[in-house]
Amino acid sequence: MLRTILAAVDTKKRDDDVIANISTLDPSKVGKITLLHVNDERFGKLNISEEEKQIFEKAHN
């Protein structure tokens, strides 16, 4: 039995597919499903400072 399924989603088409696939699971084998709406604010957003952007880019390059 799966105790918890955590699915991080945003507003992309693929997320509809994720939700559709989760809904096919046997409810007797899943304890809890949590959908977490995620906003990707790493690039192109005004609410992230230039310093934070540089830290992120340095860590992921």
N, C-alpha and C. Protein backbone atom coordinates (compact mmCIF):
# COMPACT_ATOMS: atom_id res chain seq x y z
N MET A 1 0.83 -1.18 0.00
CA MET A 1 0.00 0.00 0.00
C MET A 1 0.88 1.25 0.00
N LEU A 2 0.50 2.23 -0.79
CA LEU A 2 1.18 3.52 -0.79
C LEU A 2 0.56 4.39 0.29
N ARG A 3 1.37 4.89 1.20
CA ARG A 3 0.83 5.71 2.28
C ARG A 3 0.42 7.08 1.79
N THR A 4 1.33 7.73 1.05
CA THR A 4 1.05 9.08 0.57
C THR A 4 1.66 9.27 -0.80
N ILE A 5 0.91 9.89 -1.69
CA ILE A 5 1.43 10.29 -2.99
C ILE A 5 1.42 11.81 -3.01
N LEU A 6 2.57 12.41 -3.29
CA LEU A 6 2.67 13.86 -3.41
C LEU A 6 2.94 14.18 -4.88
N ALA A 7 2.04 14.93 -5.49
CA ALA A 7 2.20 15.32 -6.89
C ALA A 7 2.29 16.83 -6.96
N ALA A 8 3.44 17.32 -7.42
CA ALA A 8 3.63 18.76 -7.60
C ALA A 8 3.17 19.14 -9.00
N VAL A 9 2.22 20.05 -9.08
CA VAL A 9 1.65 20.44 -10.37
C VAL A 9 1.65 21.95 -10.52
N ASP A 10 1.60 22.41 -11.77
CA ASP A 10 1.38 23.83 -12.04
C ASP A 10 0.26 23.92 -13.06
N THR A 11 0.36 24.74 -14.05
CA THR A 11 -0.77 24.91 -14.97
C THR A 11 -0.48 24.37 -16.37
N LYS A 12 0.49 23.51 -16.50
CA LYS A 12 0.84 22.97 -17.81
C LYS A 12 -0.03 21.78 -18.17
N LYS A 13 -0.11 21.49 -19.45
CA LYS A 13 -0.93 20.38 -19.96
C LYS A 13 -0.52 19.06 -19.32
N ARG A 14 0.77 18.86 -19.12
CA ARG A 14 1.26 17.60 -18.56
C ARG A 14 0.66 17.32 -17.19
N ASP A 15 0.37 18.36 -16.44
CA ASP A 15 -0.21 18.18 -15.11
C ASP A 15 -1.59 17.55 -15.17
N ASP A 16 -2.35 17.86 -16.22
CA ASP A 16 -3.64 17.20 -16.40
C ASP A 16 -3.44 15.70 -16.56
N ASP A 17 -2.37 15.32 -17.26
CA ASP A 17 -2.06 13.90 -17.44
C ASP A 17 -1.67 13.26 -16.11
N VAL A 18 -0.91 13.97 -15.30
CA VAL A 18 -0.51 13.45 -13.98
C VAL A 18 -1.75 13.19 -13.13
N ILE A 19 -2.65 14.16 -13.09
CA ILE A 19 -3.87 14.01 -12.30
C ILE A 19 -4.73 12.88 -12.85
N ALA A 20 -4.83 12.77 -14.17
CA ALA A 20 -5.62 11.69 -14.77
C ALA A 20 -5.03 10.33 -14.39
N ASN A 21 -3.71 10.21 -14.40
CA ASN A 21 -3.08 8.93 -14.04
C ASN A 21 -3.26 8.61 -12.56
N ILE A 22 -3.17 9.61 -11.71
CA ILE A 22 -3.39 9.38 -10.27
C ILE A 22 -4.80 8.88 -10.01
N SER A 23 -5.75 9.42 -10.76
CA SER A 23 -7.15 9.04 -10.53
C SER A 23 -7.43 7.59 -10.91
N THR A 24 -6.52 6.95 -11.63
CA THR A 24 -6.73 5.55 -12.01
C THR A 24 -6.24 4.57 -10.94
N LEU A 25 -5.57 5.09 -9.90
CA LEU A 25 -5.06 4.22 -8.84
C LEU A 25 -6.19 3.63 -8.02
N ASP A 26 -5.98 2.43 -7.54
CA ASP A 26 -6.96 1.75 -6.70
C ASP A 26 -7.01 2.44 -5.33
N PRO A 27 -8.14 3.04 -4.97
CA PRO A 27 -8.24 3.77 -3.70
C PRO A 27 -7.92 2.91 -2.47
N SER A 28 -8.12 1.63 -2.56
CA SER A 28 -7.83 0.77 -1.41
C SER A 28 -6.33 0.59 -1.20
N LYS A 29 -5.52 1.01 -2.17
CA LYS A 29 -4.07 0.84 -2.07
C LYS A 29 -3.33 2.16 -1.86
N VAL A 30 -4.07 3.24 -1.68
CA VAL A 30 -3.46 4.56 -1.48
C VAL A 30 -4.06 5.19 -0.23
N GLY A 31 -3.20 5.60 0.69
CA GLY A 31 -3.69 6.23 1.91
C GLY A 31 -4.13 7.66 1.68
N LYS A 32 -3.29 8.45 1.00
CA LYS A 32 -3.60 9.86 0.82
C LYS A 32 -2.90 10.36 -0.44
N ILE A 33 -3.57 11.24 -1.17
CA ILE A 33 -2.98 11.90 -2.33
C ILE A 33 -2.99 13.40 -2.06
N THR A 34 -1.84 14.02 -2.17
CA THR A 34 -1.73 15.46 -1.97
C THR A 34 -1.25 16.09 -3.26
N LEU A 35 -2.03 17.04 -3.78
CA LEU A 35 -1.63 17.81 -4.95
C LEU A 35 -1.05 19.12 -4.46
N LEU A 36 0.15 19.42 -4.86
CA LEU A 36 0.83 20.63 -4.44
C LEU A 36 0.99 21.53 -5.66
N HIS A 37 0.33 22.68 -5.64
CA HIS A 37 0.45 23.61 -6.76
C HIS A 37 1.74 24.39 -6.60
N VAL A 38 2.59 24.35 -7.63
CA VAL A 38 3.91 24.95 -7.58
C VAL A 38 4.01 26.06 -8.62
N ASN A 39 4.48 27.21 -8.21
CA ASN A 39 4.78 28.30 -9.14
C ASN A 39 6.28 28.35 -9.32
N ASP A 40 6.74 28.16 -10.55
CA ASP A 40 8.16 28.21 -10.84
C ASP A 40 8.56 29.67 -11.05
N GLU A 41 9.26 30.22 -10.07
CA GLU A 41 9.61 31.63 -10.12
C GLU A 41 11.12 31.84 -10.24
N ARG A 42 11.81 30.87 -10.81
CA ARG A 42 13.26 31.00 -10.90
C ARG A 42 13.69 32.04 -11.92
N PHE A 43 12.96 32.17 -13.02
CA PHE A 43 13.37 33.07 -14.09
C PHE A 43 12.18 33.89 -14.58
N GLY A 44 12.44 35.11 -14.98
CA GLY A 44 11.43 35.93 -15.62
C GLY A 44 10.38 36.52 -14.70
N LYS A 45 10.58 36.48 -13.42
CA LYS A 45 9.61 37.03 -12.47
C LYS A 45 10.22 38.21 -11.74
N LEU A 46 9.41 39.17 -11.39
CA LEU A 46 9.91 40.36 -10.72
C LEU A 46 10.07 40.18 -9.22
N ASN A 47 9.49 39.14 -8.65
CA ASN A 47 9.54 38.98 -7.20
C ASN A 47 10.71 38.12 -6.72
N ILE A 48 11.67 37.87 -7.57
CA ILE A 48 12.89 37.19 -7.15
C ILE A 48 14.04 38.16 -7.41
N SER A 49 14.87 38.35 -6.41
CA SER A 49 15.94 39.34 -6.54
C SER A 49 17.02 38.83 -7.49
N GLU A 50 17.79 39.75 -7.99
CA GLU A 50 18.90 39.40 -8.88
C GLU A 50 19.91 38.53 -8.14
N GLU A 51 20.14 38.83 -6.88
CA GLU A 51 21.06 38.04 -6.07
C GLU A 51 20.57 36.60 -5.92
N GLU A 52 19.28 36.42 -5.66
CA GLU A 52 18.72 35.06 -5.54
C GLU A 52 18.83 34.31 -6.86
N LYS A 53 18.60 35.01 -7.96
CA LYS A 53 18.71 34.38 -9.28
C LYS A 53 20.14 33.92 -9.52
N GLN A 54 21.13 34.73 -9.17
CA GLN A 54 22.53 34.36 -9.36
C GLN A 54 22.91 33.17 -8.49
N ILE A 55 22.41 33.15 -7.26
CA ILE A 55 22.69 32.02 -6.37
C ILE A 55 22.12 30.73 -6.96
N PHE A 56 20.89 30.80 -7.46
CA PHE A 56 20.27 29.62 -8.05
C PHE A 56 21.06 29.15 -9.27
N GLU A 57 21.39 30.08 -10.16
CA GLU A 57 22.12 29.72 -11.38
C GLU A 57 23.48 29.11 -11.05
N LYS A 58 24.17 29.66 -10.07
CA LYS A 58 25.48 29.15 -9.67
C LYS A 58 25.36 27.72 -9.12
N ALA A 59 24.32 27.47 -8.37
CA ALA A 59 24.12 26.15 -7.76
C ALA A 59 23.73 25.09 -8.79
N HIS A 60 23.14 25.51 -9.90
CA HIS A 60 22.62 24.54 -10.87
C HIS A 60 23.37 24.53 -12.19
N ASN A 61 24.53 25.11 -12.23
CA ASN A 61 25.36 25.07 -13.46
C ASN A 61 26.60 24.27 -13.23
